[in-house]
N, C-alpha and C. Protein backbone atom coordinates (compact mmCIF):
# COMPACT_ATOMS: atom_id res chain seq x y z
N UNK A 1 -34.46 -31.13 24.89
CA UNK A 1 -34.89 -31.22 26.26
C UNK A 1 -34.20 -32.43 26.89
N UNK A 2 -33.76 -32.26 28.13
CA UNK A 2 -33.06 -33.34 28.80
C UNK A 2 -34.04 -34.40 29.28
N UNK A 3 -33.48 -35.57 29.60
CA UNK A 3 -34.31 -36.66 30.13
C UNK A 3 -34.96 -36.24 31.44
N UNK A 4 -34.24 -35.46 32.25
CA UNK A 4 -34.79 -35.01 33.53
C UNK A 4 -35.98 -34.07 33.30
N UNK A 5 -35.86 -33.17 32.34
CA UNK A 5 -36.97 -32.25 32.04
C UNK A 5 -38.17 -33.03 31.51
N UNK A 6 -37.90 -34.03 30.66
CA UNK A 6 -38.99 -34.87 30.15
C UNK A 6 -39.68 -35.60 31.30
N UNK A 7 -38.92 -36.13 32.23
CA UNK A 7 -39.48 -36.85 33.38
C UNK A 7 -40.31 -35.93 34.25
N UNK A 8 -39.81 -34.72 34.47
CA UNK A 8 -40.54 -33.74 35.27
C UNK A 8 -41.85 -33.35 34.59
N UNK A 9 -41.79 -33.11 33.30
CA UNK A 9 -43.00 -32.73 32.56
C UNK A 9 -44.03 -33.86 32.63
N UNK A 10 -43.57 -35.11 32.51
CA UNK A 10 -44.48 -36.26 32.61
C UNK A 10 -45.11 -36.33 33.99
N UNK A 11 -44.30 -36.09 35.03
CA UNK A 11 -44.81 -36.11 36.40
C UNK A 11 -45.84 -35.01 36.58
N UNK A 12 -45.56 -33.80 36.12
CA UNK A 12 -46.49 -32.68 36.22
C UNK A 12 -47.79 -33.00 35.50
N UNK A 13 -47.69 -33.55 34.29
CA UNK A 13 -48.89 -33.88 33.53
C UNK A 13 -49.71 -34.93 34.27
N UNK A 14 -49.04 -35.90 34.88
CA UNK A 14 -49.75 -36.94 35.61
C UNK A 14 -50.50 -36.36 36.81
N UNK A 15 -49.89 -35.41 37.52
CA UNK A 15 -50.57 -34.78 38.66
C UNK A 15 -51.81 -34.03 38.17
N UNK A 16 -51.68 -33.30 37.08
CA UNK A 16 -52.83 -32.57 36.54
C UNK A 16 -53.91 -33.54 36.08
N UNK A 17 -53.53 -34.60 35.38
CA UNK A 17 -54.52 -35.59 34.94
C UNK A 17 -55.21 -36.24 36.14
N UNK A 18 -54.45 -36.56 37.19
CA UNK A 18 -55.01 -37.19 38.37
C UNK A 18 -56.03 -36.27 39.05
N UNK A 19 -55.68 -34.99 39.21
CA UNK A 19 -56.60 -34.05 39.86
C UNK A 19 -57.81 -33.73 38.98
N UNK A 20 -57.68 -33.91 37.69
CA UNK A 20 -58.84 -33.74 36.80
C UNK A 20 -59.75 -34.97 36.89
N UNK A 21 -59.17 -36.15 36.84
CA UNK A 21 -59.96 -37.39 36.89
C UNK A 21 -60.59 -37.61 38.26
N UNK A 22 -59.86 -37.25 39.31
CA UNK A 22 -60.30 -37.46 40.69
C UNK A 22 -60.15 -36.17 41.48
N UNK A 23 -60.97 -35.17 41.17
CA UNK A 23 -60.79 -33.89 41.86
C UNK A 23 -61.03 -34.01 43.36
N UNK A 24 -60.14 -33.41 44.12
CA UNK A 24 -60.27 -33.40 45.58
C UNK A 24 -61.25 -32.29 45.96
N UNK A 25 -62.01 -32.55 47.01
CA UNK A 25 -62.91 -31.55 47.58
C UNK A 25 -63.97 -31.08 46.59
N UNK A 26 -64.40 -31.96 45.70
CA UNK A 26 -65.42 -31.64 44.71
C UNK A 26 -66.78 -31.94 45.31
N UNK A 27 -67.38 -30.92 45.92
CA UNK A 27 -68.68 -31.07 46.54
C UNK A 27 -69.16 -29.70 47.02
N UNK A 28 -70.47 -29.52 47.13
CA UNK A 28 -70.95 -28.30 47.76
C UNK A 28 -70.59 -28.33 49.24
N UNK A 29 -70.56 -27.21 49.86
CA UNK A 29 -70.24 -27.12 51.29
C UNK A 29 -71.39 -26.36 51.96
N UNK A 30 -72.41 -27.09 52.44
CA UNK A 30 -73.60 -26.43 52.98
C UNK A 30 -73.30 -25.44 54.10
N UNK A 31 -72.28 -25.68 54.89
CA UNK A 31 -71.94 -24.79 56.01
C UNK A 31 -70.97 -23.68 55.60
N UNK A 32 -70.83 -23.44 54.32
CA UNK A 32 -69.87 -22.43 53.85
C UNK A 32 -70.21 -21.05 54.40
N UNK A 33 -69.18 -20.37 54.86
CA UNK A 33 -69.36 -18.98 55.31
C UNK A 33 -69.07 -18.02 54.17
N UNK A 34 -68.36 -18.51 53.14
CA UNK A 34 -67.99 -17.71 51.98
C UNK A 34 -68.17 -18.56 50.73
N UNK A 35 -68.60 -17.93 49.66
CA UNK A 35 -68.64 -18.63 48.37
C UNK A 35 -68.64 -17.59 47.26
N UNK A 36 -68.24 -18.04 46.08
CA UNK A 36 -68.24 -17.17 44.90
C UNK A 36 -68.32 -18.03 43.66
N UNK A 37 -68.81 -17.43 42.59
CA UNK A 37 -68.90 -18.10 41.30
C UNK A 37 -67.82 -17.57 40.37
N UNK A 38 -67.37 -18.43 39.47
CA UNK A 38 -66.38 -18.03 38.47
C UNK A 38 -66.76 -18.56 37.11
N UNK A 39 -66.39 -17.81 36.08
CA UNK A 39 -66.70 -18.22 34.71
C UNK A 39 -65.59 -17.76 33.77
N UNK A 40 -65.13 -18.67 32.95
CA UNK A 40 -64.16 -18.38 31.91
C UNK A 40 -64.87 -18.60 30.58
N UNK A 41 -65.41 -17.54 29.97
CA UNK A 41 -66.20 -17.71 28.74
C UNK A 41 -65.39 -18.26 27.57
N UNK A 42 -64.09 -18.03 27.57
CA UNK A 42 -63.25 -18.50 26.48
C UNK A 42 -63.24 -20.03 26.39
N UNK A 43 -63.20 -20.69 27.53
CA UNK A 43 -63.11 -22.15 27.56
C UNK A 43 -64.42 -22.79 28.02
N UNK A 44 -65.32 -21.99 28.59
CA UNK A 44 -66.58 -22.52 29.10
C UNK A 44 -66.50 -23.03 30.53
N UNK A 45 -65.37 -22.80 31.21
CA UNK A 45 -65.22 -23.24 32.59
C UNK A 45 -66.18 -22.45 33.48
N UNK A 46 -66.89 -23.16 34.37
CA UNK A 46 -67.75 -22.53 35.36
C UNK A 46 -67.58 -23.27 36.66
N UNK A 47 -67.44 -22.51 37.76
CA UNK A 47 -67.31 -23.17 39.04
C UNK A 47 -67.79 -22.27 40.16
N UNK A 48 -68.06 -22.90 41.28
CA UNK A 48 -68.36 -22.21 42.53
C UNK A 48 -67.37 -22.71 43.56
N UNK A 49 -66.76 -21.78 44.27
CA UNK A 49 -65.82 -22.10 45.35
C UNK A 49 -66.54 -21.84 46.67
N UNK A 50 -66.43 -22.80 47.59
CA UNK A 50 -67.02 -22.70 48.92
C UNK A 50 -65.91 -22.72 49.96
N UNK A 51 -66.04 -21.87 50.96
CA UNK A 51 -65.06 -21.82 52.05
C UNK A 51 -65.79 -21.79 53.39
N UNK A 52 -65.23 -22.49 54.35
CA UNK A 52 -65.69 -22.37 55.73
C UNK A 52 -64.53 -21.69 56.48
N UNK A 53 -64.75 -20.42 56.82
CA UNK A 53 -63.72 -19.63 57.51
C UNK A 53 -64.16 -19.44 58.95
N UNK A 54 -63.31 -19.83 59.88
CA UNK A 54 -63.56 -19.65 61.31
C UNK A 54 -62.29 -19.12 61.94
N UNK A 55 -62.43 -18.11 62.79
CA UNK A 55 -61.29 -17.52 63.49
C UNK A 55 -60.18 -17.13 62.52
N UNK A 56 -60.58 -16.59 61.35
CA UNK A 56 -59.66 -16.12 60.33
C UNK A 56 -58.79 -17.23 59.73
N UNK A 57 -59.27 -18.47 59.81
CA UNK A 57 -58.59 -19.64 59.24
C UNK A 57 -59.55 -20.30 58.24
N UNK A 58 -59.04 -20.67 57.07
CA UNK A 58 -59.84 -21.42 56.10
C UNK A 58 -59.85 -22.87 56.59
N UNK A 59 -60.95 -23.24 57.25
CA UNK A 59 -61.06 -24.58 57.83
C UNK A 59 -61.40 -25.63 56.78
N UNK A 60 -62.20 -25.22 55.78
CA UNK A 60 -62.64 -26.16 54.75
C UNK A 60 -62.76 -25.41 53.44
N UNK A 61 -62.49 -26.11 52.34
CA UNK A 61 -62.60 -25.52 51.00
C UNK A 61 -63.08 -26.61 50.05
N UNK A 62 -63.99 -26.22 49.16
CA UNK A 62 -64.47 -27.16 48.16
C UNK A 62 -64.92 -26.38 46.93
N UNK A 63 -65.27 -27.13 45.88
CA UNK A 63 -65.75 -26.49 44.66
C UNK A 63 -66.67 -27.45 43.92
N UNK A 64 -67.51 -26.88 43.08
CA UNK A 64 -68.33 -27.64 42.14
C UNK A 64 -68.32 -26.89 40.82
N UNK A 65 -68.63 -27.59 39.76
CA UNK A 65 -68.69 -26.96 38.46
C UNK A 65 -68.16 -27.88 37.39
N UNK A 66 -67.90 -27.29 36.24
CA UNK A 66 -67.36 -28.07 35.13
C UNK A 66 -66.36 -27.20 34.37
N UNK A 67 -65.42 -27.88 33.76
CA UNK A 67 -64.42 -27.15 33.00
C UNK A 67 -63.41 -28.10 32.40
N UNK A 68 -62.43 -27.51 31.79
CA UNK A 68 -61.37 -28.30 31.16
C UNK A 68 -60.48 -28.93 32.24
N UNK A 69 -59.58 -29.78 31.81
CA UNK A 69 -58.71 -30.50 32.74
C UNK A 69 -57.88 -29.54 33.59
N UNK A 70 -57.34 -28.49 33.00
CA UNK A 70 -56.49 -27.56 33.75
C UNK A 70 -57.31 -26.79 34.78
N UNK A 71 -58.48 -26.36 34.42
CA UNK A 71 -59.35 -25.63 35.34
C UNK A 71 -59.73 -26.51 36.54
N UNK A 72 -60.15 -27.71 36.27
CA UNK A 72 -60.55 -28.64 37.33
C UNK A 72 -59.36 -29.00 38.21
N UNK A 73 -58.23 -29.31 37.61
CA UNK A 73 -57.03 -29.66 38.39
C UNK A 73 -56.59 -28.48 39.25
N UNK A 74 -56.63 -27.28 38.70
CA UNK A 74 -56.23 -26.10 39.46
C UNK A 74 -57.14 -25.90 40.67
N UNK A 75 -58.44 -26.05 40.49
CA UNK A 75 -59.38 -25.90 41.60
C UNK A 75 -59.14 -26.97 42.66
N UNK A 76 -58.90 -28.19 42.23
CA UNK A 76 -58.64 -29.29 43.14
C UNK A 76 -57.37 -29.05 43.95
N UNK A 77 -56.30 -28.70 43.26
CA UNK A 77 -55.04 -28.41 43.94
C UNK A 77 -55.18 -27.22 44.89
N UNK A 78 -55.93 -26.21 44.46
CA UNK A 78 -56.13 -25.02 45.28
C UNK A 78 -56.83 -25.35 46.59
N UNK A 79 -57.92 -26.15 46.51
CA UNK A 79 -58.65 -26.45 47.74
C UNK A 79 -57.78 -27.21 48.73
N UNK A 80 -56.91 -28.08 48.23
CA UNK A 80 -55.99 -28.78 49.11
C UNK A 80 -54.99 -27.82 49.75
N UNK A 81 -54.53 -26.85 48.96
CA UNK A 81 -53.46 -25.95 49.41
C UNK A 81 -53.93 -24.94 50.45
N UNK A 82 -55.20 -24.56 50.44
CA UNK A 82 -55.64 -23.49 51.33
C UNK A 82 -56.23 -23.96 52.65
N UNK A 83 -56.60 -25.21 52.74
CA UNK A 83 -57.20 -25.71 53.98
C UNK A 83 -56.24 -25.56 55.15
N UNK A 84 -56.79 -25.01 56.24
CA UNK A 84 -56.02 -24.87 57.46
C UNK A 84 -55.12 -23.64 57.51
N UNK A 85 -55.16 -22.83 56.48
CA UNK A 85 -54.28 -21.65 56.42
C UNK A 85 -55.03 -20.39 56.85
N UNK A 86 -54.31 -19.46 57.46
CA UNK A 86 -54.92 -18.16 57.78
C UNK A 86 -55.32 -17.44 56.49
N UNK A 87 -56.38 -16.65 56.57
CA UNK A 87 -56.89 -15.92 55.41
C UNK A 87 -55.79 -15.06 54.78
N UNK A 88 -54.99 -14.38 55.59
CA UNK A 88 -53.92 -13.53 55.05
C UNK A 88 -52.91 -14.35 54.26
N UNK A 89 -52.62 -15.55 54.72
CA UNK A 89 -51.69 -16.42 54.00
C UNK A 89 -52.30 -16.92 52.69
N UNK A 90 -53.60 -17.19 52.71
CA UNK A 90 -54.30 -17.63 51.49
C UNK A 90 -54.30 -16.50 50.46
N UNK A 91 -54.52 -15.26 50.90
CA UNK A 91 -54.48 -14.12 49.98
C UNK A 91 -53.08 -13.95 49.39
N UNK A 92 -52.05 -14.12 50.21
CA UNK A 92 -50.67 -14.03 49.71
C UNK A 92 -50.40 -15.16 48.71
N UNK A 93 -50.92 -16.34 49.00
CA UNK A 93 -50.76 -17.47 48.08
C UNK A 93 -51.46 -17.18 46.76
N UNK A 94 -52.66 -16.59 46.81
CA UNK A 94 -53.37 -16.20 45.59
C UNK A 94 -52.48 -15.29 44.73
N UNK A 95 -51.90 -14.27 45.35
CA UNK A 95 -51.05 -13.34 44.59
C UNK A 95 -49.82 -14.04 44.01
N UNK A 96 -49.20 -14.91 44.81
CA UNK A 96 -47.99 -15.60 44.35
C UNK A 96 -48.30 -16.61 43.24
N UNK A 97 -49.40 -17.33 43.38
CA UNK A 97 -49.78 -18.31 42.34
C UNK A 97 -50.15 -17.57 41.06
N UNK A 98 -50.87 -16.46 41.19
CA UNK A 98 -51.23 -15.68 40.00
C UNK A 98 -49.96 -15.21 39.28
N UNK A 99 -48.99 -14.73 40.03
CA UNK A 99 -47.72 -14.28 39.44
C UNK A 99 -46.98 -15.46 38.79
N UNK A 100 -47.01 -16.61 39.44
CA UNK A 100 -46.37 -17.81 38.88
C UNK A 100 -47.01 -18.20 37.56
N UNK A 101 -48.34 -18.21 37.52
CA UNK A 101 -49.06 -18.66 36.33
C UNK A 101 -48.99 -17.67 35.18
N UNK A 102 -48.89 -16.40 35.50
CA UNK A 102 -48.85 -15.38 34.45
C UNK A 102 -47.44 -14.98 34.07
N UNK A 103 -46.46 -15.54 34.77
CA UNK A 103 -45.06 -15.21 34.48
C UNK A 103 -44.67 -13.81 34.91
N UNK A 104 -45.36 -13.28 35.92
CA UNK A 104 -45.07 -11.92 36.39
C UNK A 104 -44.42 -11.90 37.77
N UNK A 105 -43.89 -13.03 38.19
CA UNK A 105 -43.26 -13.11 39.51
C UNK A 105 -42.07 -12.17 39.60
N UNK A 106 -41.99 -11.44 40.69
CA UNK A 106 -40.87 -10.54 40.96
C UNK A 106 -39.67 -11.39 41.36
N UNK A 107 -38.67 -11.41 40.51
CA UNK A 107 -37.48 -12.24 40.77
C UNK A 107 -36.73 -11.80 42.01
N UNK A 108 -36.93 -10.55 42.44
CA UNK A 108 -36.26 -10.06 43.65
C UNK A 108 -36.96 -10.53 44.92
N UNK A 109 -38.22 -10.96 44.78
CA UNK A 109 -38.98 -11.44 45.93
C UNK A 109 -38.44 -12.79 46.38
N UNK A 110 -38.57 -13.08 47.67
CA UNK A 110 -38.12 -14.39 48.15
C UNK A 110 -38.88 -15.51 47.43
N UNK A 111 -38.18 -16.58 47.16
CA UNK A 111 -38.79 -17.72 46.47
C UNK A 111 -39.77 -18.42 47.41
N UNK A 112 -40.89 -18.84 46.87
CA UNK A 112 -41.89 -19.58 47.64
C UNK A 112 -41.82 -21.04 47.22
N UNK A 113 -41.98 -21.92 48.18
CA UNK A 113 -42.11 -23.34 47.87
C UNK A 113 -43.59 -23.58 47.56
N UNK A 114 -43.89 -23.79 46.29
CA UNK A 114 -45.28 -23.98 45.88
C UNK A 114 -45.76 -25.40 46.09
N UNK A 115 -44.86 -26.32 46.39
CA UNK A 115 -45.28 -27.70 46.56
C UNK A 115 -45.93 -28.22 45.29
N UNK A 116 -47.05 -28.93 45.45
CA UNK A 116 -47.76 -29.51 44.30
C UNK A 116 -48.26 -28.45 43.32
N UNK A 117 -48.49 -27.23 43.81
CA UNK A 117 -48.99 -26.17 42.94
C UNK A 117 -48.02 -25.84 41.81
N UNK A 118 -46.75 -26.20 42.00
CA UNK A 118 -45.73 -25.94 40.99
C UNK A 118 -46.09 -26.57 39.65
N UNK A 119 -46.89 -27.64 39.68
CA UNK A 119 -47.26 -28.32 38.43
C UNK A 119 -48.04 -27.41 37.50
N UNK A 120 -48.66 -26.38 38.05
CA UNK A 120 -49.45 -25.47 37.22
C UNK A 120 -48.59 -24.46 36.46
N UNK A 121 -47.33 -24.33 36.84
CA UNK A 121 -46.45 -23.30 36.26
C UNK A 121 -46.29 -23.44 34.75
N UNK A 122 -46.38 -24.64 34.24
CA UNK A 122 -46.19 -24.87 32.81
C UNK A 122 -47.22 -24.19 31.93
N UNK A 123 -48.37 -23.80 32.49
CA UNK A 123 -49.40 -23.19 31.66
C UNK A 123 -49.00 -21.81 31.14
N UNK A 124 -48.03 -21.18 31.79
CA UNK A 124 -47.65 -19.84 31.32
C UNK A 124 -47.08 -19.89 29.90
N UNK A 125 -46.68 -21.07 29.46
CA UNK A 125 -46.19 -21.24 28.08
C UNK A 125 -47.36 -21.24 27.08
N UNK A 126 -48.57 -21.36 27.58
CA UNK A 126 -49.77 -21.41 26.75
C UNK A 126 -50.75 -20.35 27.24
N UNK A 127 -50.62 -19.11 26.75
CA UNK A 127 -51.40 -17.99 27.28
C UNK A 127 -52.91 -18.24 27.38
N UNK A 128 -53.49 -18.95 26.44
CA UNK A 128 -54.92 -19.22 26.49
C UNK A 128 -55.26 -20.08 27.70
N UNK A 129 -54.37 -20.98 28.10
CA UNK A 129 -54.63 -21.89 29.21
C UNK A 129 -54.43 -21.23 30.57
N UNK A 130 -53.72 -20.09 30.61
CA UNK A 130 -53.50 -19.39 31.87
C UNK A 130 -54.84 -19.03 32.50
N UNK A 131 -55.78 -18.60 31.68
CA UNK A 131 -57.11 -18.22 32.18
C UNK A 131 -57.81 -19.42 32.81
N UNK A 132 -57.59 -20.60 32.27
CA UNK A 132 -58.19 -21.81 32.84
C UNK A 132 -57.60 -22.10 34.22
N UNK A 133 -56.31 -21.93 34.35
CA UNK A 133 -55.62 -22.23 35.61
C UNK A 133 -55.88 -21.18 36.68
N UNK A 134 -56.11 -19.93 36.28
CA UNK A 134 -56.30 -18.87 37.28
C UNK A 134 -57.75 -18.68 37.71
N UNK A 135 -58.70 -19.26 37.00
CA UNK A 135 -60.11 -19.04 37.31
C UNK A 135 -60.44 -19.39 38.77
N UNK A 136 -60.05 -20.56 39.22
CA UNK A 136 -60.37 -20.98 40.59
C UNK A 136 -59.76 -20.01 41.60
N UNK A 137 -58.58 -19.53 41.30
CA UNK A 137 -57.88 -18.63 42.22
C UNK A 137 -58.57 -17.27 42.30
N UNK A 138 -59.02 -16.74 41.16
CA UNK A 138 -59.77 -15.48 41.18
C UNK A 138 -61.10 -15.67 41.92
N UNK A 139 -61.71 -16.83 41.75
CA UNK A 139 -62.97 -17.12 42.43
C UNK A 139 -62.75 -17.23 43.94
N UNK A 140 -61.66 -17.87 44.33
CA UNK A 140 -61.28 -17.94 45.74
C UNK A 140 -61.12 -16.54 46.32
N UNK A 141 -60.41 -15.69 45.59
CA UNK A 141 -60.18 -14.31 46.04
C UNK A 141 -61.52 -13.58 46.22
N UNK A 142 -62.43 -13.73 45.26
CA UNK A 142 -63.74 -13.10 45.38
C UNK A 142 -64.50 -13.63 46.59
N UNK A 143 -64.41 -14.92 46.85
CA UNK A 143 -65.08 -15.50 48.01
C UNK A 143 -64.53 -14.89 49.30
N UNK A 144 -63.23 -14.78 49.39
CA UNK A 144 -62.61 -14.24 50.61
C UNK A 144 -62.90 -12.76 50.82
N UNK A 145 -62.99 -12.01 49.74
CA UNK A 145 -63.20 -10.57 49.87
C UNK A 145 -64.68 -10.19 49.87
N UNK A 146 -65.55 -11.18 49.66
CA UNK A 146 -66.98 -10.90 49.67
C UNK A 146 -67.48 -10.22 48.40
N UNK A 147 -66.69 -10.29 47.34
CA UNK A 147 -67.13 -9.70 46.08
C UNK A 147 -68.36 -10.45 45.58
N UNK A 148 -69.35 -9.73 45.13
CA UNK A 148 -70.60 -10.37 44.71
C UNK A 148 -70.65 -10.68 43.22
N UNK A 149 -69.77 -10.08 42.44
CA UNK A 149 -69.79 -10.35 41.01
C UNK A 149 -69.09 -11.68 40.70
N UNK A 150 -69.46 -12.26 39.60
CA UNK A 150 -68.83 -13.50 39.15
C UNK A 150 -67.39 -13.21 38.75
N UNK A 151 -66.48 -14.05 39.22
CA UNK A 151 -65.07 -13.90 38.85
C UNK A 151 -64.90 -14.28 37.39
N UNK A 152 -64.18 -13.46 36.66
CA UNK A 152 -63.86 -13.73 35.26
C UNK A 152 -62.36 -13.67 35.06
N UNK A 153 -61.92 -14.28 34.01
CA UNK A 153 -60.49 -14.26 33.68
C UNK A 153 -60.22 -13.35 32.50
N UNK A 154 -61.22 -12.64 32.05
CA UNK A 154 -61.06 -11.73 30.91
C UNK A 154 -60.58 -10.38 31.39
């Protein structure tokens, strides 16, 4: 591995560690218009995602729960990424992030700039950890679509 790849991996790990130690938007959202629960029985991750959607825009996003570092970091990064975005754009981001994390991205599709979310891409090398990283995103999707069942990664 090159020095540049090592430096990038260290930077990615630091972002994940930072979002795990200091998760952004970690709080209930009493005025939430949408919410959903998620559970990853394999790792024990459990969370609730809260959204305040007004005029088809995700105005606010937060989460509460407990889980491993990757699950918590993913939820934290997700809430930052979706705030202020139209619901349709958030749904497209859900699909693109899921494809990124599972390694199923269509190479013919236009490339997306994932920004900070790119740090999660490394989990596809560890199939068991993919479920940890995708849990928050599946829960977000359930919240947006009004699904009443708990989101699972199984």
